[in-house]
């Protein structure tokens, strides 16, 4: 049986996202193009920070889940 954390981790790909990957994702939004270059850069940095925080929390939750499973 597949663990939900494994599925999420596969979809995230990595625990961190590069600025280049973030730009590729953000460029898909029409709103991205309405921003000034300085605002775009700030958005990219914020996106990377949020993505990394979520990935770190998922990684931590996965480890806790594995520890709880081993105790059973």
N, C-alpha and C. Protein backbone atom coordinates (compact mmCIF):
# COMPACT_ATOMS: atom_id res chain seq x y z
N UNK A 1 0.85 -1.18 0.00
CA UNK A 1 0.00 0.00 0.00
C UNK A 1 0.89 1.24 0.00
N UNK A 2 0.53 2.19 -0.83
CA UNK A 2 1.33 3.40 -0.97
C UNK A 2 1.02 4.38 0.16
N UNK A 3 2.08 4.89 0.76
CA UNK A 3 1.95 5.89 1.81
C UNK A 3 1.65 7.23 1.17
N UNK A 4 0.72 8.01 1.75
CA UNK A 4 0.34 9.31 1.19
C UNK A 4 1.54 10.24 1.08
N UNK A 5 2.47 10.15 2.01
CA UNK A 5 3.64 11.01 1.97
C UNK A 5 4.54 10.66 0.79
N UNK A 6 4.60 9.38 0.42
CA UNK A 6 5.36 8.99 -0.76
C UNK A 6 4.76 9.58 -2.02
N UNK A 7 3.44 9.55 -2.10
CA UNK A 7 2.75 10.09 -3.27
C UNK A 7 3.00 11.59 -3.39
N UNK A 8 2.85 12.30 -2.28
CA UNK A 8 3.07 13.75 -2.29
C UNK A 8 4.52 14.06 -2.63
N UNK A 9 5.44 13.33 -2.06
CA UNK A 9 6.87 13.57 -2.31
C UNK A 9 7.20 13.33 -3.78
N UNK A 10 6.60 12.31 -4.38
CA UNK A 10 6.82 12.05 -5.81
C UNK A 10 6.32 13.21 -6.65
N UNK A 11 5.17 13.75 -6.28
CA UNK A 11 4.61 14.86 -7.04
C UNK A 11 5.44 16.13 -6.85
N UNK A 12 5.96 16.33 -5.67
CA UNK A 12 6.81 17.50 -5.43
C UNK A 12 8.14 17.34 -6.16
N UNK A 13 8.60 16.13 -6.27
CA UNK A 13 9.84 15.88 -6.97
C UNK A 13 11.05 15.96 -6.06
N UNK A 14 11.30 17.13 -5.54
CA UNK A 14 12.46 17.34 -4.68
C UNK A 14 12.02 18.10 -3.45
N UNK A 15 12.91 18.14 -2.46
CA UNK A 15 12.59 18.88 -1.25
C UNK A 15 12.79 20.38 -1.44
N UNK A 16 13.53 20.77 -2.44
CA UNK A 16 13.71 22.19 -2.72
C UNK A 16 13.39 22.46 -4.17
N UNK A 17 13.04 23.69 -4.46
CA UNK A 17 12.77 24.09 -5.84
C UNK A 17 13.77 25.19 -6.19
N UNK A 18 14.30 25.12 -7.38
CA UNK A 18 15.25 26.15 -7.82
C UNK A 18 14.48 27.36 -8.32
N UNK A 19 15.17 28.48 -8.42
CA UNK A 19 14.53 29.68 -8.95
C UNK A 19 14.08 29.46 -10.38
N UNK A 20 14.87 28.74 -11.15
CA UNK A 20 14.52 28.46 -12.54
C UNK A 20 13.24 27.64 -12.62
N UNK A 21 13.10 26.64 -11.75
CA UNK A 21 11.88 25.83 -11.74
C UNK A 21 10.68 26.68 -11.33
N UNK A 22 10.88 27.55 -10.35
CA UNK A 22 9.79 28.42 -9.89
C UNK A 22 9.35 29.36 -11.01
N UNK A 23 10.29 29.90 -11.75
CA UNK A 23 9.95 30.81 -12.85
C UNK A 23 9.13 30.07 -13.91
N UNK A 24 9.52 28.83 -14.22
CA UNK A 24 8.77 28.05 -15.21
C UNK A 24 7.33 27.86 -14.78
N UNK A 25 7.12 27.63 -13.50
CA UNK A 25 5.77 27.43 -12.97
C UNK A 25 5.00 28.75 -12.98
N UNK A 26 5.64 29.79 -12.47
CA UNK A 26 4.97 31.09 -12.34
C UNK A 26 4.66 31.72 -13.70
N UNK A 27 5.46 31.42 -14.70
CA UNK A 27 5.23 31.98 -16.03
C UNK A 27 3.91 31.50 -16.64
N UNK A 28 3.36 30.42 -16.11
CA UNK A 28 2.09 29.91 -16.61
C UNK A 28 0.91 30.79 -16.21
N UNK A 29 1.12 31.67 -15.23
CA UNK A 29 0.06 32.55 -14.77
C UNK A 29 0.10 33.88 -15.51
N UNK A 30 -1.04 34.31 -16.05
CA UNK A 30 -1.07 35.62 -16.71
C UNK A 30 -0.71 36.77 -15.75
N UNK A 31 -1.00 36.59 -14.48
CA UNK A 31 -0.71 37.62 -13.48
C UNK A 31 0.79 37.87 -13.35
N UNK A 32 1.59 36.85 -13.58
CA UNK A 32 3.04 36.98 -13.49
C UNK A 32 3.54 38.07 -14.44
N UNK A 33 2.95 38.12 -15.61
CA UNK A 33 3.41 39.05 -16.65
C UNK A 33 2.97 40.48 -16.39
N UNK A 34 2.04 40.67 -15.48
CA UNK A 34 1.59 42.01 -15.13
C UNK A 34 2.53 42.69 -14.12
N UNK A 35 3.39 41.91 -13.51
CA UNK A 35 4.30 42.42 -12.48
C UNK A 35 5.54 43.05 -13.12
N UNK A 36 6.13 43.97 -12.39
CA UNK A 36 7.41 44.54 -12.82
C UNK A 36 8.50 43.49 -12.62
N UNK A 37 9.64 43.64 -13.28
CA UNK A 37 10.73 42.67 -13.07
C UNK A 37 11.15 42.53 -11.60
N UNK A 38 11.16 43.64 -10.88
CA UNK A 38 11.53 43.58 -9.45
C UNK A 38 10.49 42.79 -8.66
N UNK A 39 9.22 43.01 -8.97
CA UNK A 39 8.15 42.28 -8.29
C UNK A 39 8.17 40.79 -8.64
N UNK A 40 8.51 40.49 -9.89
CA UNK A 40 8.63 39.08 -10.31
C UNK A 40 9.72 38.38 -9.51
N UNK A 41 10.85 39.05 -9.37
CA UNK A 41 11.96 38.45 -8.62
C UNK A 41 11.55 38.19 -7.18
N UNK A 42 10.86 39.15 -6.57
CA UNK A 42 10.39 38.98 -5.21
C UNK A 42 9.42 37.81 -5.11
N UNK A 43 8.52 37.70 -6.09
CA UNK A 43 7.56 36.59 -6.12
C UNK A 43 8.27 35.25 -6.23
N UNK A 44 9.28 35.18 -7.07
CA UNK A 44 10.04 33.94 -7.25
C UNK A 44 10.70 33.54 -5.93
N UNK A 45 11.30 34.50 -5.26
CA UNK A 45 11.97 34.21 -3.98
C UNK A 45 10.96 33.75 -2.93
N UNK A 46 9.80 34.40 -2.88
CA UNK A 46 8.76 33.99 -1.93
C UNK A 46 8.24 32.60 -2.26
N UNK A 47 8.04 32.33 -3.54
CA UNK A 47 7.56 31.02 -3.97
C UNK A 47 8.54 29.92 -3.54
N UNK A 48 9.82 30.16 -3.79
CA UNK A 48 10.84 29.17 -3.42
C UNK A 48 10.84 28.93 -1.91
N UNK A 49 10.75 30.00 -1.14
CA UNK A 49 10.76 29.86 0.32
C UNK A 49 9.54 29.08 0.81
N UNK A 50 8.37 29.38 0.27
CA UNK A 50 7.16 28.67 0.67
C UNK A 50 7.20 27.21 0.25
N UNK A 51 7.63 26.95 -0.95
CA UNK A 51 7.74 25.57 -1.45
C UNK A 51 8.68 24.76 -0.56
N UNK A 52 9.83 25.35 -0.26
CA UNK A 52 10.81 24.65 0.56
C UNK A 52 10.27 24.37 1.97
N UNK A 53 9.51 25.32 2.51
CA UNK A 53 8.92 25.13 3.84
C UNK A 53 7.90 24.00 3.83
N UNK A 54 7.07 23.96 2.81
CA UNK A 54 6.06 22.90 2.70
C UNK A 54 6.74 21.54 2.51
N UNK A 55 7.74 21.50 1.65
CA UNK A 55 8.46 20.24 1.41
C UNK A 55 9.15 19.75 2.68
N UNK A 56 9.71 20.67 3.45
CA UNK A 56 10.38 20.29 4.70
C UNK A 56 9.36 19.73 5.70
N UNK A 57 8.19 20.36 5.78
CA UNK A 57 7.15 19.87 6.68
C UNK A 57 6.65 18.49 6.26
N UNK A 58 6.51 18.28 4.96
CA UNK A 58 6.08 16.96 4.47
C UNK A 58 7.13 15.90 4.78
N UNK A 59 8.39 16.27 4.61
CA UNK A 59 9.46 15.33 4.89
C UNK A 59 9.46 14.96 6.38
N UNK A 60 9.27 15.97 7.21
CA UNK A 60 9.23 15.73 8.67
C UNK A 60 8.04 14.85 9.03
N UNK A 61 6.87 15.15 8.44
CA UNK A 61 5.67 14.36 8.72
C UNK A 61 5.84 12.92 8.25
N UNK A 62 6.52 12.75 7.12
CA UNK A 62 6.76 11.40 6.60
C UNK A 62 7.62 10.61 7.58
N UNK A 63 8.67 11.23 8.09
CA UNK A 63 9.54 10.54 9.05
C UNK A 63 8.78 10.18 10.31
N UNK A 64 7.94 11.11 10.80
CA UNK A 64 7.14 10.83 12.00
C UNK A 64 6.18 9.68 11.75
N UNK A 65 5.58 9.66 10.56
CA UNK A 65 4.65 8.60 10.22
C UNK A 65 5.37 7.25 10.17
N UNK A 66 6.56 7.23 9.59
CA UNK A 66 7.33 5.99 9.53
C UNK A 66 7.72 5.53 10.93
N UNK A 67 8.07 6.45 11.81
CA UNK A 67 8.42 6.10 13.19
C UNK A 67 7.22 5.53 13.91
N UNK A 68 6.04 6.13 13.71
CA UNK A 68 4.82 5.64 14.35
C UNK A 68 4.44 4.25 13.82
N UNK A 69 4.68 4.02 12.54
CA UNK A 69 4.37 2.72 11.95
C UNK A 69 5.29 1.65 12.51
N UNK A 70 6.56 1.99 12.72
CA UNK A 70 7.51 1.03 13.26
C UNK A 70 7.16 0.65 14.69
N UNK A 71 6.58 1.58 15.45
CA UNK A 71 6.21 1.32 16.85
C UNK A 71 5.07 0.33 16.94
N UNK A 72 4.24 0.28 15.88
CA UNK A 72 3.10 -0.64 15.89
C UNK A 72 3.61 -2.01 15.61
